[in-house]
């Protein structure tokens, strides 16, 4: 088995809630634990959360309510939205004047 090569695909959610996948191919079996550890550390430092929990109708894994991303601006849980093949996360914010907008967790979208 030591002469086998493996492919690794890690799927997670970015801090803003985008689903992403990182792949490494042709990983030597002897280096497999090292490659997995490197991915864990590198993705963890970048704030990537693993995709765990539910599987949608298309067989794609999605976060459960407990794993929904938190808005880095407002510190609240974001809601999952989808249209077609697009998926995004946002939450409703109320301004002081009573108007509302949907924040996607980006600094440029902050309307205070």
PDB file of N, CA and C in Angstrom:
ATOM      1  N   UNK A   1       0.822  -1.195   0.000  1.00  0.00           N
ATOM      2  CA  UNK A   1       0.000   0.000   0.000  1.00  0.00           C
ATOM      3  C   UNK A   1       0.865   1.259   0.000  1.00  0.00           C
ATOM      4  N   UNK A   2       2.105   1.137   0.405  1.00  0.00           N
ATOM      5  CA  UNK A   2       2.970   2.304   0.487  1.00  0.00           C
ATOM      6  C   UNK A   2       3.247   2.922  -0.878  1.00  0.00           C
ATOM      7  N   UNK A   3       3.069   2.162  -1.945  1.00  0.00           N
ATOM      8  CA  UNK A   3       3.331   2.705  -3.270  1.00  0.00           C
ATOM      9  C   UNK A   3       2.088   3.307  -3.919  1.00  0.00           C
ATOM     10  N   UNK A   4       0.954   3.329  -3.221  1.00  0.00           N
ATOM     11  CA  UNK A   4      -0.282   3.897  -3.758  1.00  0.00           C
ATOM     12  C   UNK A   4      -0.285   5.408  -3.644  1.00  0.00           C
ATOM     13  N   UNK A   5      -0.960   6.051  -4.597  1.00  0.00           N
ATOM     14  CA  UNK A   5      -1.159   7.491  -4.551  1.00  0.00           C
ATOM     15  C   UNK A   5      -2.634   7.759  -4.265  1.00  0.00           C
ATOM     16  N   UNK A   6      -2.898   8.790  -3.481  1.00  0.00           N
ATOM     17  CA  UNK A   6      -4.261   9.117  -3.085  1.00  0.00           C
ATOM     18  C   UNK A   6      -4.625  10.521  -3.532  1.00  0.00           C
ATOM     19  N   UNK A   7      -5.910  10.741  -3.664  1.00  0.00           N
ATOM     20  CA  UNK A   7      -6.444  12.078  -3.883  1.00  0.00           C
ATOM     21  C   UNK A   7      -7.236  12.454  -2.644  1.00  0.00           C
ATOM     22  N   UNK A   8      -7.089  13.700  -2.198  1.00  0.00           N
ATOM     23  CA  UNK A   8      -7.791  14.195  -1.025  1.00  0.00           C
ATOM     24  C   UNK A   8      -8.635  15.380  -1.465  1.00  0.00           C
ATOM     25  N   UNK A   9      -9.902  15.390  -1.076  1.00  0.00           N
ATOM     26  CA  UNK A   9     -10.753  16.555  -1.305  1.00  0.00           C
ATOM     27  C   UNK A   9     -11.362  16.949   0.029  1.00  0.00           C
ATOM     28  N   UNK A  10     -11.159  18.195   0.409  1.00  0.00           N
ATOM     29  CA  UNK A  10     -11.697  18.725   1.655  1.00  0.00           C
ATOM     30  C   UNK A  10     -12.746  19.759   1.294  1.00  0.00           C
ATOM     31  N   UNK A  11     -13.942  19.611   1.846  1.00  0.00           N
ATOM     32  CA  UNK A  11     -15.033  20.530   1.557  1.00  0.00           C
ATOM     33  C   UNK A  11     -15.391  21.279   2.831  1.00  0.00           C
ATOM     34  N   UNK A  12     -15.616  22.593   2.686  1.00  0.00           N
ATOM     35  CA  UNK A  12     -15.968  23.398   3.850  1.00  0.00           C
ATOM     36  C   UNK A  12     -16.669  24.669   3.450  1.00  0.00           C
ATOM     37  N   UNK A  13     -16.959  25.488   4.455  1.00  0.00           N
ATOM     38  CA  UNK A  13     -17.568  26.792   4.244  1.00  0.00           C
ATOM     39  C   UNK A  13     -16.571  27.871   4.624  1.00  0.00           C
ATOM     40  N   UNK A  14     -16.423  28.882   3.768  1.00  0.00           N
ATOM     41  CA  UNK A  14     -15.556  30.008   4.084  1.00  0.00           C
ATOM     42  C   UNK A  14     -16.183  30.807   5.222  1.00  0.00           C
ATOM     43  N   UNK A  15     -15.439  31.733   5.852  1.00  0.00           N
ATOM     44  CA  UNK A  15     -16.029  32.533   6.923  1.00  0.00           C
ATOM     45  C   UNK A  15     -17.264  33.326   6.486  1.00  0.00           C
ATOM     46  N   UNK A  16     -17.390  33.625   5.210  1.00  0.00           N
ATOM     47  CA  UNK A  16     -18.566  34.356   4.732  1.00  0.00           C
ATOM     48  C   UNK A  16     -19.679  33.423   4.267  1.00  0.00           C
ATOM     49  N   UNK A  17     -19.446  32.113   4.379  1.00  0.00           N
ATOM     50  CA  UNK A  17     -20.492  31.164   4.068  1.00  0.00           C
ATOM     51  C   UNK A  17     -20.452  30.543   2.690  1.00  0.00           C
ATOM     52  N   UNK A  18     -19.426  30.840   1.910  1.00  0.00           N
ATOM     53  CA  UNK A  18     -19.325  30.228   0.589  1.00  0.00           C
ATOM     54  C   UNK A  18     -18.803  28.804   0.739  1.00  0.00           C
ATOM     55  N   UNK A  19     -19.425  27.885   0.016  1.00  0.00           N
ATOM     56  CA  UNK A  19     -18.943  26.512   0.042  1.00  0.00           C
ATOM     57  C   UNK A  19     -17.730  26.418  -0.870  1.00  0.00           C
ATOM     58  N   UNK A  20     -16.698  25.713  -0.409  1.00  0.00           N
ATOM     59  CA  UNK A  20     -15.516  25.558  -1.240  1.00  0.00           C
ATOM     60  C   UNK A  20     -14.942  24.169  -1.056  1.00  0.00           C
ATOM     61  N   UNK A  21     -14.166  23.754  -2.027  1.00  0.00           N
ATOM     62  CA  UNK A  21     -13.506  22.451  -1.972  1.00  0.00           C
ATOM     63  C   UNK A  21     -12.046  22.641  -2.364  1.00  0.00           C
ATOM     64  N   UNK A  22     -11.169  21.997  -1.612  1.00  0.00           N
ATOM     65  CA  UNK A  22      -9.733  22.037  -1.890  1.00  0.00           C
ATOM     66  C   UNK A  22      -9.304  20.606  -2.152  1.00  0.00           C
ATOM     67  N   UNK A  23      -8.587  20.393  -3.248  1.00  0.00           N
ATOM     68  CA  UNK A  23      -8.170  19.040  -3.613  1.00  0.00           C
ATOM     69  C   UNK A  23      -6.658  18.948  -3.729  1.00  0.00           C
ATOM     70  N   UNK A  24      -6.152  17.810  -3.343  1.00  0.00           N
ATOM     71  CA  UNK A  24      -4.746  17.474  -3.542  1.00  0.00           C
ATOM     72  C   UNK A  24      -4.727  16.102  -4.205  1.00  0.00           C
ATOM     73  N   UNK A  25      -4.004  15.971  -5.290  1.00  0.00           N
ATOM     74  CA  UNK A  25      -3.971  14.678  -5.973  1.00  0.00           C
ATOM     75  C   UNK A  25      -2.559  14.107  -5.937  1.00  0.00           C
ATOM     76  N   UNK A  26      -2.483  12.821  -6.177  1.00  0.00           N
ATOM     77  CA  UNK A  26      -1.221  12.091  -6.207  1.00  0.00           C
ATOM     78  C   UNK A  26      -0.412  12.259  -4.922  1.00  0.00           C
ATOM     79  N   UNK A  27      -1.092  12.098  -3.785  1.00  0.00           N
ATOM     80  CA  UNK A  27      -0.434  12.172  -2.480  1.00  0.00           C
ATOM     81  C   UNK A  27       0.096  10.781  -2.140  1.00  0.00           C
ATOM     82  N   UNK A  28       1.378  10.698  -1.888  1.00  0.00           N
ATOM     83  CA  UNK A  28       2.020   9.438  -1.523  1.00  0.00           C
ATOM     84  C   UNK A  28       1.433   8.943  -0.202  1.00  0.00           C
ATOM     85  N   UNK A  29       1.185   7.643  -0.098  1.00  0.00           N
ATOM     86  CA  UNK A  29       0.590   7.060   1.105  1.00  0.00           C
ATOM     87  C   UNK A  29       1.397   7.386   2.359  1.00  0.00           C
ATOM     88  N   UNK A  30       2.708   7.444   2.242  1.00  0.00           N
ATOM     89  CA  UNK A  30       3.559   7.761   3.396  1.00  0.00           C
ATOM     90  C   UNK A  30       3.362   9.204   3.846  1.00  0.00           C
ATOM     91  N   UNK A  31       2.967  10.085   2.933  1.00  0.00           N
ATOM     92  CA  UNK A  31       2.786  11.506   3.236  1.00  0.00           C
ATOM     93  C   UNK A  31       1.330  11.869   3.525  1.00  0.00           C
ATOM     94  N   UNK A  32       0.427  10.879   3.456  1.00  0.00           N
ATOM     95  CA  UNK A  32      -0.994  11.145   3.643  1.00  0.00           C
ATOM     96  C   UNK A  32      -1.315  11.796   4.993  1.00  0.00           C
ATOM     97  N   UNK A  33      -0.813  11.278   6.126  1.00  0.00           N
ATOM     98  CA  UNK A  33      -1.103  11.935   7.411  1.00  0.00           C
ATOM     99  C   UNK A  33      -0.578  13.374   7.462  1.00  0.00           C
ATOM    100  N   UNK A  34       0.590  13.594   6.882  1.00  0.00           N
ATOM    101  CA  UNK A  34       1.170  14.943   6.849  1.00  0.00           C
ATOM    102  C   UNK A  34       0.329  15.881   5.987  1.00  0.00           C
ATOM    103  N   UNK A  35      -0.161  15.397   4.852  1.00  0.00           N
ATOM    104  CA  UNK A  35      -0.999  16.212   3.961  1.00  0.00           C
ATOM    105  C   UNK A  35      -2.317  16.577   4.641  1.00  0.00           C
ATOM    106  N   UNK A  36      -2.928  15.613   5.330  1.00  0.00           N
ATOM    107  CA  UNK A  36      -4.186  15.877   6.029  1.00  0.00           C
ATOM    108  C   UNK A  36      -3.970  16.885   7.147  1.00  0.00           C
ATOM    109  N   UNK A  37      -2.890  16.729   7.904  1.00  0.00           N
ATOM    110  CA  UNK A  37      -2.591  17.671   8.985  1.00  0.00           C
ATOM    111  C   UNK A  37      -2.359  19.076   8.435  1.00  0.00           C
ATOM    112  N   UNK A  38      -1.652  19.169   7.307  1.00  0.00           N
ATOM    113  CA  UNK A  38      -1.397  20.483   6.699  1.00  0.00           C
ATOM    114  C   UNK A  38      -2.711  21.136   6.272  1.00  0.00           C
ATOM    115  N   UNK A  39      -3.600  20.365   5.644  1.00  0.00           N
ATOM    116  CA  UNK A  39      -4.897  20.905   5.237  1.00  0.00           C
ATOM    117  C   UNK A  39      -5.702  21.374   6.442  1.00  0.00           C
ATOM    118  N   UNK A  40      -5.728  20.569   7.520  1.00  0.00           N
ATOM    119  CA  UNK A  40      -6.458  20.960   8.734  1.00  0.00           C
ATOM    120  C   UNK A  40      -5.964  22.292   9.273  1.00  0.00           C
ATOM    121  N   UNK A  41      -4.652  22.429   9.400  1.00  0.00           N
ATOM    122  CA  UNK A  41      -4.081  23.663   9.954  1.00  0.00           C
ATOM    123  C   UNK A  41      -4.314  24.839   9.019  1.00  0.00           C
ATOM    124  N   UNK A  42      -3.999  24.671   7.763  1.00  0.00           N
ATOM    125  CA  UNK A  42      -4.104  25.765   6.793  1.00  0.00           C
ATOM    126  C   UNK A  42      -5.541  26.246   6.647  1.00  0.00           C
ATOM    127  N   UNK A  43      -6.475  25.329   6.506  1.00  0.00           N
ATOM    128  CA  UNK A  43      -7.876  25.726   6.351  1.00  0.00           C
ATOM    129  C   UNK A  43      -8.439  26.262   7.662  1.00  0.00           C
ATOM    130  N   UNK A  44      -8.029  25.703   8.783  1.00  0.00           N
ATOM    131  CA  UNK A  44      -8.482  26.199  10.084  1.00  0.00           C
ATOM    132  C   UNK A  44      -8.037  27.624  10.333  1.00  0.00           C
ATOM    133  N   UNK A  45      -6.792  27.948  10.005  1.00  0.00           N
ATOM    134  CA  UNK A  45      -6.280  29.316  10.166  1.00  0.00           C
ATOM    135  C   UNK A  45      -7.037  30.280   9.269  1.00  0.00           C
ATOM    136  N   UNK A  46      -7.459  29.807   8.090  1.00  0.00           N
ATOM    137  CA  UNK A  46      -8.206  30.655   7.154  1.00  0.00           C
ATOM    138  C   UNK A  46      -9.678  30.794   7.559  1.00  0.00           C
ATOM    139  N   UNK A  47     -10.099  30.090   8.613  1.00  0.00           N
ATOM    140  CA  UNK A  47     -11.477  30.206   9.075  1.00  0.00           C
ATOM    141  C   UNK A  47     -12.467  29.321   8.349  1.00  0.00           C
ATOM    142  N   UNK A  48     -11.978  28.331   7.597  1.00  0.00           N
ATOM    143  CA  UNK A  48     -12.875  27.435   6.868  1.00  0.00           C
ATOM    144  C   UNK A  48     -13.479  26.439   7.854  1.00  0.00           C
ATOM    145  N   UNK A  49     -14.803  26.323   7.806  1.00  0.00           N
ATOM    146  CA  UNK A  49     -15.516  25.364   8.653  1.00  0.00           C
ATOM    147  C   UNK A  49     -15.870  24.145   7.813  1.00  0.00           C
ATOM    148  N   UNK A  50     -15.760  22.959   8.386  1.00  0.00           N
ATOM    149  CA  UNK A  50     -16.069  21.760   7.605  1.00  0.00           C
ATOM    150  C   UNK A  50     -17.538  21.683   7.229  1.00  0.00           C
ATOM    151  N   UNK A  51     -17.794  21.024   6.117  1.00  0.00           N
ATOM    152  CA  UNK A  51     -19.164  20.762   5.698  1.00  0.00           C
ATOM    153  C   UNK A  51     -19.574  19.469   6.386  1.00  0.00           C
ATOM    154  N   UNK A  52     -20.519  19.573   7.285  1.00  0.00           N
ATOM    155  CA  UNK A  52     -21.029  18.404   8.004  1.00  0.00           C
ATOM    156  C   UNK A  52     -22.534  18.507   8.089  1.00  0.00           C
ATOM    157  N   UNK A  53     -23.169  17.424   8.413  1.00  0.00           N
ATOM    158  CA  UNK A  53     -24.598  17.513   8.663  1.00  0.00           C
ATOM    159  C   UNK A  53     -25.442  16.933   7.559  1.00  0.00           C
ATOM    160  N   UNK A  54     -26.290  17.748   6.986  1.00  0.00           N
ATOM    161  CA  UNK A  54     -27.336  17.294   6.098  1.00  0.00           C
ATOM    162  C   UNK A  54     -26.850  17.115   4.664  1.00  0.00           C
ATOM    163  N   UNK A  55     -27.596  16.309   3.930  1.00  0.00           N
ATOM    164  CA  UNK A  55     -27.371  16.140   2.501  1.00  0.00           C
ATOM    165  C   UNK A  55     -28.626  16.629   1.800  1.00  0.00           C
ATOM    166  N   UNK A  56     -28.460  17.539   0.819  1.00  0.00           N
ATOM    167  CA  UNK A  56     -29.639  18.063   0.126  1.00  0.00           C
ATOM    168  C   UNK A  56     -30.130  17.072  -0.929  1.00  0.00           C
ATOM    169  N   UNK A  57     -31.192  17.430  -1.642  1.00  0.00           N
ATOM    170  CA  UNK A  57     -31.809  16.534  -2.620  1.00  0.00           C
ATOM    171  C   UNK A  57     -30.855  16.118  -3.726  1.00  0.00           C
ATOM    172  N   UNK A  58     -29.882  16.972  -4.040  1.00  0.00           N
ATOM    173  CA  UNK A  58     -28.913  16.660  -5.081  1.00  0.00           C
ATOM    174  C   UNK A  58     -27.735  15.843  -4.588  1.00  0.00           C
ATOM    175  N   UNK A  59     -27.756  15.451  -3.303  1.00  0.00           N
ATOM    176  CA  UNK A  59     -26.662  14.666  -2.742  1.00  0.00           C
ATOM    177  C   UNK A  59     -25.518  15.509  -2.226  1.00  0.00           C
ATOM    178  N   UNK A  60     -25.684  16.833  -2.238  1.00  0.00           N
ATOM    179  CA  UNK A  60     -24.632  17.740  -1.781  1.00  0.00           C
ATOM    180  C   UNK A  60     -24.752  17.955  -0.280  1.00  0.00           C
ATOM    181  N   UNK A  61     -23.631  17.947   0.415  1.00  0.00           N
ATOM    182  CA  UNK A  61     -23.647  18.136   1.865  1.00  0.00           C
ATOM    183  C   UNK A  61     -23.832  19.613   2.190  1.00  0.00           C
ATOM    184  N   UNK A  62     -24.624  19.882   3.217  1.00  0.00           N
ATOM    185  CA  UNK A  62     -24.879  21.257   3.637  1.00  0.00           C
ATOM    186  C   UNK A  62     -24.739  21.364   5.145  1.00  0.00           C
ATOM    187  N   UNK A  63     -24.536  22.557   5.630  1.00  0.00           N
ATOM    188  CA  UNK A  63     -24.391  22.772   7.065  1.00  0.00           C
ATOM    189  C   UNK A  63     -25.719  22.606   7.771  1.00  0.00           C
ATOM    190  N   UNK A  64     -25.673  22.135   8.988  1.00  0.00           N
ATOM    191  CA  UNK A  64     -26.864  22.118   9.819  1.00  0.00           C
ATOM    192  C   UNK A  64     -26.964  23.489  10.488  1.00  0.00           C
ATOM    193  N   UNK A  65     -28.065  23.741  11.164  1.00  0.00           N
ATOM    194  CA  UNK A  65     -28.245  25.031  11.826  1.00  0.00           C
ATOM    195  C   UNK A  65     -27.097  25.366  12.769  1.00  0.00           C
ATOM    196  N   UNK A  66     -26.541  24.349  13.439  1.00  0.00           N
ATOM    197  CA  UNK A  66     -25.468  24.602  14.384  1.00  0.00           C
ATOM    198  C   UNK A  66     -24.171  25.038  13.694  1.00  0.00           C
ATOM    199  N   UNK A  67     -23.996  24.709  12.424  1.00  0.00           N
ATOM    200  CA  UNK A  67     -22.759  25.035  11.728  1.00  0.00           C
ATOM    201  C   UNK A  67     -22.882  26.242  10.807  1.00  0.00           C
ATOM    202  N   UNK A  68     -23.988  26.974  10.881  1.00  0.00           N
ATOM    203  CA  UNK A  68     -24.130  28.129  10.008  1.00  0.00           C
ATOM    204  C   UNK A  68     -23.064  29.158  10.349  1.00  0.00           C
ATOM    205  N   UNK A  69     -22.527  29.836   9.332  1.00  0.00           N
ATOM    206  CA  UNK A  69     -21.486  30.812   9.597  1.00  0.00           C
ATOM    207  C   UNK A  69     -22.016  32.001  10.386  1.00  0.00           C
ATOM    208  N   UNK A  70     -21.109  32.651  11.092  1.00  0.00           N
ATOM    209  CA  UNK A  70     -21.437  33.840  11.861  1.00  0.00           C
ATOM    210  C   UNK A  70     -20.956  35.053  11.093  1.00  0.00           C
ATOM    211  N   UNK A  71     -21.765  36.100  11.050  1.00  0.00           N
ATOM    212  CA  UNK A  71     -21.380  37.333  10.364  1.00  0.00           C
ATOM    213  C   UNK A  71     -20.182  37.955  11.081  1.00  0.00           C
ATOM    214  N   UNK A  72     -19.088  38.218  10.368  1.00  0.00           N
ATOM    215  CA  UNK A  72     -17.913  38.819  11.015  1.00  0.00           C
ATOM    216  C   UNK A  72     -18.141  40.277  11.399  1.00  0.00           C
ATOM    217  N   UNK A  73     -19.166  40.918  10.855  1.00  0.00           N
ATOM    218  CA  UNK A  73     -19.451  42.324  11.161  1.00  0.00           C
ATOM    219  C   UNK A  73     -20.371  42.444  12.374  1.00  0.00           C
ATOM    220  N   UNK A  74     -21.458  41.658  12.363  1.00  0.00           N
ATOM    221  CA  UNK A  74     -22.484  41.800  13.389  1.00  0.00           C
ATOM    222  C   UNK A  74     -22.477  40.692  14.437  1.00  0.00           C
ATOM    223  N   UNK A  75     -21.743  39.610  14.205  1.00  0.00           N
ATOM    224  CA  UNK A  75     -21.633  38.532  15.174  1.00  0.00           C
ATOM    225  C   UNK A  75     -22.892  37.694  15.349  1.00  0.00           C
ATOM    226  N   UNK A  76     -23.755  37.658  14.347  1.00  0.00           N
ATOM    227  CA  UNK A  76     -24.980  36.855  14.428  1.00  0.00           C
ATOM    228  C   UNK A  76     -24.924  35.725  13.400  1.00  0.00           C
ATOM    229  N   UNK A  77     -25.725  34.680  13.634  1.00  0.00           N
ATOM    230  CA  UNK A  77     -25.784  33.568  12.686  1.00  0.00           C
ATOM    231  C   UNK A  77     -26.388  34.040  11.372  1.00  0.00           C
ATOM    232  N   UNK A  78     -25.848  33.540  10.291  1.00  0.00           N
ATOM    233  CA  UNK A  78     -26.342  33.906   8.970  1.00  0.00           C
ATOM    234  C   UNK A  78     -27.289  32.824   8.474  1.00  0.00           C
ATOM    235  N   UNK A  79     -28.219  33.193   7.616  1.00  0.00           N
ATOM    236  CA  UNK A  79     -29.174  32.261   7.052  1.00  0.00           C
ATOM    237  C   UNK A  79     -28.677  31.773   5.695  1.00  0.00           C
ATOM    238  N   UNK A  80     -28.958  30.499   5.400  1.00  0.00           N
ATOM    239  CA  UNK A  80     -28.568  29.923   4.111  1.00  0.00           C
ATOM    240  C   UNK A  80     -29.655  30.237   3.095  1.00  0.00           C
ATOM    241  N   UNK A  81     -29.246  30.701   1.917  1.00  0.00           N
ATOM    242  CA  UNK A  81     -30.163  30.988   0.814  1.00  0.00           C
ATOM    243  C   UNK A  81     -29.642  30.287  -0.434  1.00  0.00           C
ATOM    244  N   UNK A  82     -30.543  29.924  -1.320  1.00  0.00           N
ATOM    245  CA  UNK A  82     -30.113  29.310  -2.581  1.00  0.00           C
ATOM    246  C   UNK A  82     -31.095  29.660  -3.687  1.00  0.00           C
ATOM    247  N   UNK A  83     -30.554  29.726  -4.880  1.00  0.00           N
ATOM    248  CA  UNK A  83     -31.360  29.940  -6.078  1.00  0.00           C
ATOM    249  C   UNK A  83     -30.625  29.225  -7.205  1.00  0.00           C
ATOM    250  N   UNK A  84     -31.289  28.236  -7.781  1.00  0.00           N
ATOM    251  CA  UNK A  84     -30.607  27.432  -8.790  1.00  0.00           C
ATOM    252  C   UNK A  84     -29.434  26.716  -8.150  1.00  0.00           C
ATOM    253  N   UNK A  85     -28.252  26.877  -8.726  1.00  0.00           N
ATOM    254  CA  UNK A  85     -27.057  26.249  -8.175  1.00  0.00           C
ATOM    255  C   UNK A  85     -26.290  27.177  -7.236  1.00  0.00           C
ATOM    256  N   UNK A  86     -26.748  28.416  -7.081  1.00  0.00           N
ATOM    257  CA  UNK A  86     -26.064  29.382  -6.226  1.00  0.00           C
ATOM    258  C   UNK A  86     -26.517  29.235  -4.773  1.00  0.00           C
ATOM    259  N   UNK A  87     -25.561  29.313  -3.859  1.00  0.00           N
ATOM    260  CA  UNK A  87     -25.832  29.274  -2.430  1.00  0.00           C
ATOM    261  C   UNK A  87     -25.085  30.427  -1.789  1.00  0.00           C
ATOM    262  N   UNK A  88     -25.745  31.148  -0.875  1.00  0.00           N
ATOM    263  CA  UNK A  88     -25.084  32.232  -0.161  1.00  0.00           C
ATOM    264  C   UNK A  88     -25.688  32.351   1.224  1.00  0.00           C
ATOM    265  N   UNK A  89     -25.007  33.090   2.085  1.00  0.00           N
ATOM    266  CA  UNK A  89     -25.431  33.278   3.456  1.00  0.00           C
ATOM    267  C   UNK A  89     -25.556  34.769   3.737  1.00  0.00           C
ATOM    268  N   UNK A  90     -26.618  35.129   4.441  1.00  0.00           N
ATOM    269  CA  UNK A  90     -26.821  36.531   4.810  1.00  0.00           C
ATOM    270  C   UNK A  90     -27.747  36.570   6.015  1.00  0.00           C
ATOM    271  N   UNK A  91     -27.913  37.771   6.558  1.00  0.00           N
ATOM    272  CA  UNK A  91     -28.857  37.968   7.653  1.00  0.00           C
ATOM    273  C   UNK A  91     -29.430  39.367   7.538  1.00  0.00           C
ATOM    274  N   UNK A  92     -30.605  39.549   8.108  1.00  0.00           N
ATOM    275  CA  UNK A  92     -31.296  40.830   8.030  1.00  0.00           C
ATOM    276  C   UNK A  92     -30.773  41.758   9.125  1.00  0.00           C
ATOM    277  N   UNK A  93     -30.548  43.023   8.754  1.00  0.00           N
ATOM    278  CA  UNK A  93     -30.085  44.045   9.693  1.00  0.00           C
ATOM    279  C   UNK A  93     -31.058  45.211   9.642  1.00  0.00           C
ATOM    280  N   UNK A  94     -31.381  45.748  10.814  1.00  0.00           N
ATOM    281  CA  UNK A  94     -32.253  46.911  10.880  1.00  0.00           C
ATOM    282  C   UNK A  94     -31.415  48.131  11.234  1.00  0.00           C
ATOM    283  N   UNK A  95     -31.506  49.159  10.400  1.00  0.00           N
ATOM    284  CA  UNK A  95     -30.808  50.419  10.657  1.00  0.00           C
ATOM    285  C   UNK A  95     -31.544  51.211  11.736  1.00  0.00           C
ATOM    286  N   UNK A  96     -30.894  52.240  12.257  1.00  0.00           N
ATOM    287  CA  UNK A  96     -31.503  53.078  13.288  1.00  0.00           C
ATOM    288  C   UNK A  96     -32.804  53.716  12.817  1.00  0.00           C
ATOM    289  N   UNK A  97     -32.911  54.004  11.527  1.00  0.00           N
ATOM    290  CA  UNK A  97     -34.126  54.641  10.998  1.00  0.00           C
ATOM    291  C   UNK A  97     -35.246  53.634  10.721  1.00  0.00           C
ATOM    292  N   UNK A  98     -35.024  52.351  11.049  1.00  0.00           N
ATOM    293  CA  UNK A  98     -36.042  51.329  10.860  1.00  0.00           C
ATOM    294  C   UNK A  98     -35.967  50.604   9.532  1.00  0.00           C
ATOM    295  N   UNK A  99     -35.156  51.103   8.593  1.00  0.00           N
ATOM    296  CA  UNK A  99     -35.009  50.412   7.313  1.00  0.00           C
ATOM    297  C   UNK A  99     -34.198  49.131   7.508  1.00  0.00           C
ATOM    298  N   UNK A 100     -34.409  48.164   6.629  1.00  0.00           N
ATOM    299  CA  UNK A 100     -33.724  46.890   6.727  1.00  0.00           C
ATOM    300  C   UNK A 100     -32.907  46.611   5.475  1.00  0.00           C
ATOM    301  N   UNK A 101     -31.864  45.816   5.631  1.00  0.00           N
ATOM    302  CA  UNK A 101     -31.093  45.338   4.486  1.00  0.00           C
ATOM    303  C   UNK A 101     -30.520  43.974   4.841  1.00  0.00           C
ATOM    304  N   UNK A 102     -30.110  43.237   3.820  1.00  0.00           N
ATOM    305  CA  UNK A 102     -29.502  41.927   4.006  1.00  0.00           C
ATOM    306  C   UNK A 102     -27.990  42.067   3.967  1.00  0.00           C
ATOM    307  N   UNK A 103     -27.322  41.708   5.055  1.00  0.00           N
ATOM    308  CA  UNK A 103     -25.862  41.757   5.145  1.00  0.00           C
ATOM    309  C   UNK A 103     -25.305  40.393   4.762  1.00  0.00           C
ATOM    310  N   UNK A 104     -24.278  40.395   3.919  1.00  0.00           N
ATOM    311  CA  UNK A 104     -23.616  39.141   3.532  1.00  0.00           C
ATOM    312  C   UNK A 104     -22.266  38.989   4.232  1.00  0.00           C
ATOM    313  N   UNK A 105     -22.024  39.826   5.243  1.00  0.00           N
ATOM    314  CA  UNK A 105     -20.816  39.678   6.036  1.00  0.00           C
ATOM    315  C   UNK A 105     -19.587  40.322   5.443  1.00  0.00           C
ATOM    316  N   UNK A 106     -19.786  41.241   4.522  1.00  0.00           N
ATOM    317  CA  UNK A 106     -18.652  41.944   3.903  1.00  0.00           C
ATOM    318  C   UNK A 106     -18.611  43.366   4.418  1.00  0.00           C
ATOM    319  N   UNK A 107     -17.422  43.858   4.701  1.00  0.00           N
ATOM    320  CA  UNK A 107     -17.270  45.193   5.263  1.00  0.00           C
ATOM    321  C   UNK A 107     -17.887  46.275   4.378  1.00  0.00           C
ATOM    322  N   UNK A 108     -17.747  46.118   3.058  1.00  0.00           N
ATOM    323  CA  UNK A 108     -18.277  47.149   2.158  1.00  0.00           C
ATOM    324  C   UNK A 108     -19.808  47.177   2.149  1.00  0.00           C
ATOM    325  N   UNK A 109     -20.452  46.108   2.650  1.00  0.00           N
ATOM    326  CA  UNK A 109     -21.908  46.060   2.674  1.00  0.00           C
ATOM    327  C   UNK A 109     -22.472  46.647   3.953  1.00  0.00           C
ATOM    328  N   UNK A 110     -21.604  47.021   4.879  1.00  0.00           N
ATOM    329  CA  UNK A 110     -22.058  47.552   6.156  1.00  0.00           C
ATOM    330  C   UNK A 110     -22.743  48.886   5.957  1.00  0.00           C
ATOM    331  N   UNK A 111     -23.997  48.993   6.418  1.00  0.00           N
ATOM    332  CA  UNK A 111     -24.785  50.210   6.237  1.00  0.00           C
ATOM    333  C   UNK A 111     -25.281  50.697   7.579  1.00  0.00           C
ATOM    334  N   UNK A 112     -24.425  51.339   8.332  1.00  0.00           N
ATOM    335  CA  UNK A 112     -24.830  51.822   9.649  1.00  0.00           C
ATOM    336  C   UNK A 112     -24.780  53.322   9.723  1.00  0.00           C
TER     337      UNK A 112
END
